[in-house]
N, C-alpha and C. Protein backbone atom coordinates (compact mmCIF):
# COMPACT_ATOMS: atom_id res chain seq x y z
N MET A 1 0.84 -1.18 0.00
CA MET A 1 0.00 0.00 0.00
C MET A 1 0.88 1.23 0.00
N THR A 2 1.17 1.77 -1.17
CA THR A 2 2.12 2.86 -1.30
C THR A 2 1.46 4.23 -1.27
N ASP A 3 0.17 4.33 -1.49
CA ASP A 3 -0.49 5.64 -1.56
C ASP A 3 -1.21 5.98 -0.25
N THR A 4 -0.56 5.75 0.88
CA THR A 4 -1.18 6.08 2.16
C THR A 4 -1.12 7.58 2.40
N MET A 5 -2.12 8.07 3.11
CA MET A 5 -2.20 9.49 3.41
C MET A 5 -2.55 9.65 4.88
N LYS A 6 -1.95 10.64 5.54
CA LYS A 6 -2.26 10.90 6.95
C LYS A 6 -3.47 11.82 7.05
N CYS A 7 -4.23 11.63 8.12
CA CYS A 7 -5.40 12.47 8.37
C CYS A 7 -4.94 13.89 8.72
N PRO A 8 -5.48 14.93 8.08
CA PRO A 8 -5.07 16.30 8.39
C PRO A 8 -5.57 16.78 9.76
N THR A 9 -6.56 16.11 10.33
CA THR A 9 -7.11 16.52 11.62
C THR A 9 -6.34 15.92 12.78
N CYS A 10 -6.19 14.58 12.78
CA CYS A 10 -5.55 13.91 13.93
C CYS A 10 -4.20 13.31 13.58
N ASN A 11 -3.76 13.42 12.33
CA ASN A 11 -2.47 12.93 11.87
C ASN A 11 -2.35 11.40 11.95
N SER A 12 -3.47 10.71 11.89
CA SER A 12 -3.48 9.25 11.94
C SER A 12 -2.98 8.67 10.63
N GLU A 13 -2.24 7.58 10.72
CA GLU A 13 -1.72 6.91 9.53
C GLU A 13 -2.70 5.87 8.99
N HIS A 14 -3.85 5.68 9.62
CA HIS A 14 -4.78 4.64 9.25
C HIS A 14 -5.89 5.11 8.31
N ALA A 15 -5.71 6.25 7.66
CA ALA A 15 -6.71 6.76 6.74
C ALA A 15 -6.79 5.86 5.51
N TYR A 16 -7.97 5.74 4.95
CA TYR A 16 -8.15 4.93 3.76
C TYR A 16 -9.01 5.69 2.75
N GLN A 17 -8.88 5.28 1.48
CA GLN A 17 -9.62 5.95 0.42
C GLN A 17 -10.91 5.21 0.14
N ASP A 18 -12.01 5.97 0.07
CA ASP A 18 -13.32 5.42 -0.26
C ASP A 18 -13.86 6.22 -1.44
N ARG A 19 -13.68 5.69 -2.64
CA ARG A 19 -14.01 6.36 -3.90
C ARG A 19 -13.26 7.68 -4.01
N ASP A 20 -13.96 8.81 -3.96
CA ASP A 20 -13.30 10.11 -4.13
C ASP A 20 -12.80 10.69 -2.81
N LEU A 21 -13.21 10.14 -1.68
CA LEU A 21 -12.88 10.70 -0.38
C LEU A 21 -11.85 9.87 0.36
N TRP A 22 -11.08 10.53 1.22
CA TRP A 22 -10.23 9.85 2.19
C TRP A 22 -10.97 9.88 3.51
N VAL A 23 -10.92 8.79 4.28
CA VAL A 23 -11.66 8.66 5.53
C VAL A 23 -10.70 8.25 6.64
N CYS A 24 -10.83 8.91 7.80
CA CYS A 24 -10.03 8.55 8.97
C CYS A 24 -10.92 7.75 9.92
N PRO A 25 -10.57 6.49 10.21
CA PRO A 25 -11.39 5.70 11.11
C PRO A 25 -11.27 6.11 12.58
N GLU A 26 -10.22 6.85 12.93
CA GLU A 26 -10.02 7.24 14.33
C GLU A 26 -10.84 8.45 14.73
N CYS A 27 -10.88 9.49 13.87
CA CYS A 27 -11.62 10.70 14.24
C CYS A 27 -12.87 10.92 13.37
N GLY A 28 -13.02 10.15 12.30
CA GLY A 28 -14.20 10.27 11.45
C GLY A 28 -14.12 11.39 10.42
N HIS A 29 -12.98 12.03 10.30
CA HIS A 29 -12.82 13.14 9.35
C HIS A 29 -12.78 12.60 7.92
N GLU A 30 -13.44 13.29 7.00
CA GLU A 30 -13.43 12.93 5.59
C GLU A 30 -12.93 14.12 4.79
N TRP A 31 -12.08 13.86 3.79
CA TRP A 31 -11.56 14.93 2.95
C TRP A 31 -11.29 14.36 1.57
N SER A 32 -11.12 15.26 0.60
CA SER A 32 -10.92 14.81 -0.78
C SER A 32 -9.55 15.25 -1.28
N GLY A 33 -8.77 14.32 -1.74
CA GLY A 33 -7.52 14.57 -2.42
C GLY A 33 -6.42 15.23 -1.61
N ALA A 34 -5.30 15.42 -2.29
CA ALA A 34 -4.10 15.97 -1.64
C ALA A 34 -4.16 17.49 -1.50
N ALA A 35 -4.90 18.18 -2.35
CA ALA A 35 -4.95 19.64 -2.29
C ALA A 35 -5.57 20.12 -0.98
N ASP A 36 -6.66 19.46 -0.54
CA ASP A 36 -7.31 19.85 0.71
C ASP A 36 -6.42 19.53 1.91
N ALA A 37 -5.69 18.45 1.85
CA ALA A 37 -4.82 18.07 2.97
C ALA A 37 -3.72 19.09 3.16
N VAL A 38 -3.17 19.63 2.07
CA VAL A 38 -2.12 20.64 2.18
C VAL A 38 -2.68 21.91 2.79
N VAL A 39 -3.89 22.33 2.41
CA VAL A 39 -4.51 23.52 2.96
C VAL A 39 -4.78 23.35 4.45
N ASP A 40 -5.32 22.19 4.86
CA ASP A 40 -5.63 21.95 6.26
C ASP A 40 -4.39 21.95 7.14
N THR A 41 -3.31 21.33 6.69
CA THR A 41 -2.10 21.30 7.51
C THR A 41 -1.45 22.67 7.58
N ALA A 42 -1.58 23.50 6.55
CA ALA A 42 -1.03 24.84 6.60
C ALA A 42 -1.77 25.69 7.63
N GLN A 43 -3.08 25.50 7.76
CA GLN A 43 -3.84 26.25 8.74
C GLN A 43 -3.53 25.79 10.16
N ASP A 44 -3.24 24.51 10.33
CA ASP A 44 -2.97 23.97 11.66
C ASP A 44 -1.56 24.28 12.14
N ALA A 45 -0.70 24.84 11.28
CA ALA A 45 0.67 25.12 11.66
C ALA A 45 0.74 26.24 12.72
N SER A 46 -0.22 27.15 12.73
CA SER A 46 -0.20 28.23 13.70
C SER A 46 -0.93 27.80 14.97
N VAL A 47 -0.53 28.41 16.09
CA VAL A 47 -1.16 28.12 17.38
C VAL A 47 -2.37 29.04 17.53
N ARG A 48 -3.52 28.46 17.85
CA ARG A 48 -4.76 29.22 17.97
C ARG A 48 -5.34 29.06 19.37
N ASP A 49 -6.04 30.11 19.83
CA ASP A 49 -6.67 30.06 21.15
C ASP A 49 -8.03 29.37 21.05
N ALA A 50 -8.80 29.38 22.13
CA ALA A 50 -10.09 28.69 22.18
C ALA A 50 -11.09 29.28 21.19
N ASN A 51 -10.94 30.55 20.83
CA ASN A 51 -11.85 31.20 19.89
C ASN A 51 -11.37 31.16 18.45
N GLY A 52 -10.18 30.57 18.20
CA GLY A 52 -9.65 30.47 16.85
C GLY A 52 -8.74 31.60 16.45
N ASN A 53 -8.41 32.52 17.37
CA ASN A 53 -7.50 33.61 17.07
C ASN A 53 -6.07 33.10 17.07
N VAL A 54 -5.25 33.58 16.14
CA VAL A 54 -3.85 33.17 16.05
C VAL A 54 -3.06 33.83 17.17
N LEU A 55 -2.26 33.03 17.88
CA LEU A 55 -1.41 33.54 18.95
C LEU A 55 0.02 33.71 18.46
N ALA A 56 0.74 34.66 19.05
CA ALA A 56 2.13 34.91 18.72
C ALA A 56 2.93 35.12 20.00
N ASP A 57 4.25 35.01 19.90
CA ASP A 57 5.10 35.26 21.05
C ASP A 57 4.89 36.69 21.55
N GLY A 58 4.80 36.84 22.88
CA GLY A 58 4.64 38.16 23.47
C GLY A 58 3.20 38.58 23.68
N ASP A 59 2.24 37.81 23.19
CA ASP A 59 0.83 38.14 23.38
C ASP A 59 0.42 37.98 24.84
N SER A 60 -0.69 38.61 25.19
CA SER A 60 -1.32 38.41 26.49
C SER A 60 -2.57 37.58 26.29
N VAL A 61 -2.80 36.63 27.20
CA VAL A 61 -3.97 35.77 27.10
C VAL A 61 -4.68 35.72 28.45
N ILE A 62 -5.93 35.27 28.42
CA ILE A 62 -6.73 35.11 29.63
C ILE A 62 -7.15 33.65 29.72
N VAL A 63 -6.95 33.04 30.88
CA VAL A 63 -7.36 31.65 31.11
C VAL A 63 -8.89 31.62 31.18
N ILE A 64 -9.52 30.68 30.47
CA ILE A 64 -10.98 30.68 30.38
C ILE A 64 -11.67 29.76 31.37
N LYS A 65 -10.93 28.90 32.05
CA LYS A 65 -11.54 28.02 33.06
C LYS A 65 -10.51 27.70 34.13
N ASP A 66 -10.98 27.27 35.29
CA ASP A 66 -10.08 26.90 36.37
C ASP A 66 -9.24 25.70 35.95
N LEU A 67 -7.93 25.80 36.15
CA LEU A 67 -7.01 24.72 35.78
C LEU A 67 -6.27 24.23 37.00
N LYS A 68 -6.36 22.94 37.28
CA LYS A 68 -5.61 22.35 38.39
C LYS A 68 -4.14 22.25 37.98
N ILE A 69 -3.26 22.49 38.94
CA ILE A 69 -1.84 22.38 38.68
C ILE A 69 -1.39 21.01 39.14
N LYS A 70 -0.82 20.26 38.22
CA LYS A 70 -0.40 18.90 38.51
C LYS A 70 0.68 18.90 39.59
N GLY A 71 0.51 18.07 40.61
CA GLY A 71 1.48 17.96 41.69
C GLY A 71 1.35 19.02 42.75
N SER A 72 0.29 19.78 42.73
CA SER A 72 0.10 20.86 43.69
C SER A 72 -1.40 20.96 44.01
N SER A 73 -1.69 21.62 45.12
CA SER A 73 -3.10 21.84 45.46
C SER A 73 -3.58 23.20 44.94
N SER A 74 -2.72 23.92 44.24
CA SER A 74 -3.06 25.23 43.69
C SER A 74 -3.91 25.10 42.44
N VAL A 75 -4.61 26.19 42.12
CA VAL A 75 -5.46 26.25 40.94
C VAL A 75 -5.23 27.58 40.25
N VAL A 76 -5.14 27.55 38.92
CA VAL A 76 -5.12 28.79 38.14
C VAL A 76 -6.58 29.12 37.86
N LYS A 77 -7.06 30.22 38.41
CA LYS A 77 -8.47 30.60 38.29
C LYS A 77 -8.79 31.10 36.88
N GLY A 78 -10.00 30.82 36.43
CA GLY A 78 -10.47 31.36 35.18
C GLY A 78 -10.50 32.87 35.26
N GLY A 79 -10.09 33.55 34.21
CA GLY A 79 -10.04 35.02 34.21
C GLY A 79 -8.65 35.55 34.53
N THR A 80 -7.72 34.67 34.88
CA THR A 80 -6.34 35.10 35.17
C THR A 80 -5.68 35.56 33.88
N LYS A 81 -5.09 36.75 33.90
CA LYS A 81 -4.42 37.29 32.72
C LYS A 81 -2.95 36.89 32.76
N VAL A 82 -2.46 36.37 31.65
CA VAL A 82 -1.07 35.95 31.53
C VAL A 82 -0.43 36.80 30.44
N ARG A 83 0.66 37.47 30.79
CA ARG A 83 1.33 38.37 29.85
C ARG A 83 2.60 37.73 29.30
N ASN A 84 2.99 38.16 28.11
CA ASN A 84 4.26 37.80 27.49
C ASN A 84 4.43 36.28 27.36
N ILE A 85 3.53 35.64 26.62
CA ILE A 85 3.62 34.19 26.44
C ILE A 85 4.70 33.86 25.41
N ARG A 86 5.20 32.63 25.48
CA ARG A 86 6.15 32.11 24.50
C ARG A 86 5.55 30.84 23.91
N LEU A 87 5.51 30.75 22.59
CA LEU A 87 4.97 29.57 21.94
C LEU A 87 6.07 28.53 21.78
N GLN A 88 5.70 27.27 21.94
CA GLN A 88 6.67 26.19 21.82
C GLN A 88 6.01 24.99 21.15
N ASP A 89 6.82 24.15 20.55
CA ASP A 89 6.32 22.90 19.96
C ASP A 89 6.35 21.85 21.04
N ALA A 90 5.19 21.30 21.37
CA ALA A 90 5.12 20.28 22.42
C ALA A 90 4.25 19.13 21.94
N SER A 91 4.72 17.93 22.16
CA SER A 91 3.98 16.76 21.72
C SER A 91 2.78 16.47 22.62
N ASP A 92 2.80 17.00 23.86
CA ASP A 92 1.70 16.73 24.78
C ASP A 92 0.61 17.79 24.73
N GLY A 93 0.73 18.79 23.83
CA GLY A 93 -0.31 19.78 23.67
C GLY A 93 -0.11 21.06 24.48
N HIS A 94 0.84 21.07 25.40
CA HIS A 94 1.12 22.27 26.20
C HIS A 94 2.04 23.18 25.38
N ASN A 95 1.45 23.97 24.49
CA ASN A 95 2.23 24.74 23.54
C ASN A 95 2.43 26.20 23.92
N ILE A 96 2.12 26.59 25.15
CA ILE A 96 2.36 27.95 25.63
C ILE A 96 3.20 27.88 26.90
N ALA A 97 4.35 28.54 26.88
CA ALA A 97 5.18 28.66 28.07
C ALA A 97 4.98 30.07 28.62
N CYS A 98 4.80 30.18 29.95
CA CYS A 98 4.52 31.48 30.54
C CYS A 98 4.88 31.50 32.02
N LYS A 99 4.82 32.69 32.61
CA LYS A 99 4.95 32.86 34.05
C LYS A 99 3.67 33.50 34.54
N ILE A 100 3.09 32.89 35.59
CA ILE A 100 1.85 33.41 36.16
C ILE A 100 2.17 33.97 37.53
N ASP A 101 1.72 35.20 37.80
CA ASP A 101 1.97 35.84 39.08
C ASP A 101 1.42 34.99 40.22
N GLY A 102 2.24 34.76 41.24
CA GLY A 102 1.83 34.00 42.40
C GLY A 102 2.00 32.50 42.25
N ILE A 103 2.25 32.03 41.03
CA ILE A 103 2.40 30.59 40.79
C ILE A 103 3.78 30.27 40.24
N GLY A 104 4.22 30.99 39.23
CA GLY A 104 5.53 30.78 38.63
C GLY A 104 5.44 30.31 37.20
N ALA A 105 6.54 29.73 36.72
CA ALA A 105 6.63 29.28 35.34
C ALA A 105 5.81 28.01 35.14
N MET A 106 5.09 27.96 34.04
CA MET A 106 4.32 26.75 33.72
C MET A 106 3.99 26.73 32.24
N ASN A 107 3.48 25.60 31.78
CA ASN A 107 3.05 25.44 30.40
C ASN A 107 1.53 25.28 30.37
N LEU A 108 0.91 25.89 29.36
CA LEU A 108 -0.55 25.84 29.20
C LEU A 108 -0.89 25.30 27.83
N LYS A 109 -2.09 24.75 27.71
CA LYS A 109 -2.62 24.36 26.41
C LYS A 109 -3.37 25.55 25.83
N SER A 110 -3.19 25.79 24.54
CA SER A 110 -3.82 26.95 23.91
C SER A 110 -5.35 26.84 23.89
N GLU A 111 -5.90 25.65 24.04
CA GLU A 111 -7.36 25.50 24.01
C GLU A 111 -8.02 26.02 25.27
N PHE A 112 -7.26 26.33 26.32
CA PHE A 112 -7.82 26.83 27.57
C PHE A 112 -7.57 28.31 27.80
N VAL A 113 -7.17 29.04 26.75
CA VAL A 113 -6.92 30.47 26.86
C VAL A 113 -7.60 31.20 25.71
N LYS A 114 -7.84 32.51 25.92
CA LYS A 114 -8.31 33.36 24.84
C LYS A 114 -7.42 34.59 24.79
N LYS A 115 -7.27 35.14 23.60
CA LYS A 115 -6.41 36.29 23.41
C LYS A 115 -7.00 37.50 24.09
N ALA A 116 -6.17 38.24 24.82
CA ALA A 116 -6.64 39.43 25.55
C ALA A 116 -6.68 40.64 24.65
C-alpha cells in the first residue's frame, strides 16, 4: 500500500480511500484529495486560542476556566491574565510557556486560553 495518506485533523496513519474521499477511522474526518490536505495542515501550523484567534510570542492571554496544577493543590483561576507568552512545539499539547503571578513558570494548552 504505497499511496497512504495521513489524516489532516488527527495525523493518523490509518486513513483509507473510499471512492473520491479519504476517511479517517479514528476521528471520522473525511476529505478529498491531496490539495485539501495541504490547505488543512497549513492552517494547523499556527497556534490558535479557544476562539480560533492566532497567537504569537509576546501576546497576552486570559485563562478561560479553572485549571488544576499537577502535583500541587493550587489552581489557576479562570479570568487570570497571563502576559508575554512564548509559543513552543510540544507533543503533549502544552504549547504555551509562561509565568503566572503567584504561581511561577508553567506550560498551558492553547485551548484553555483566549487572546486578551
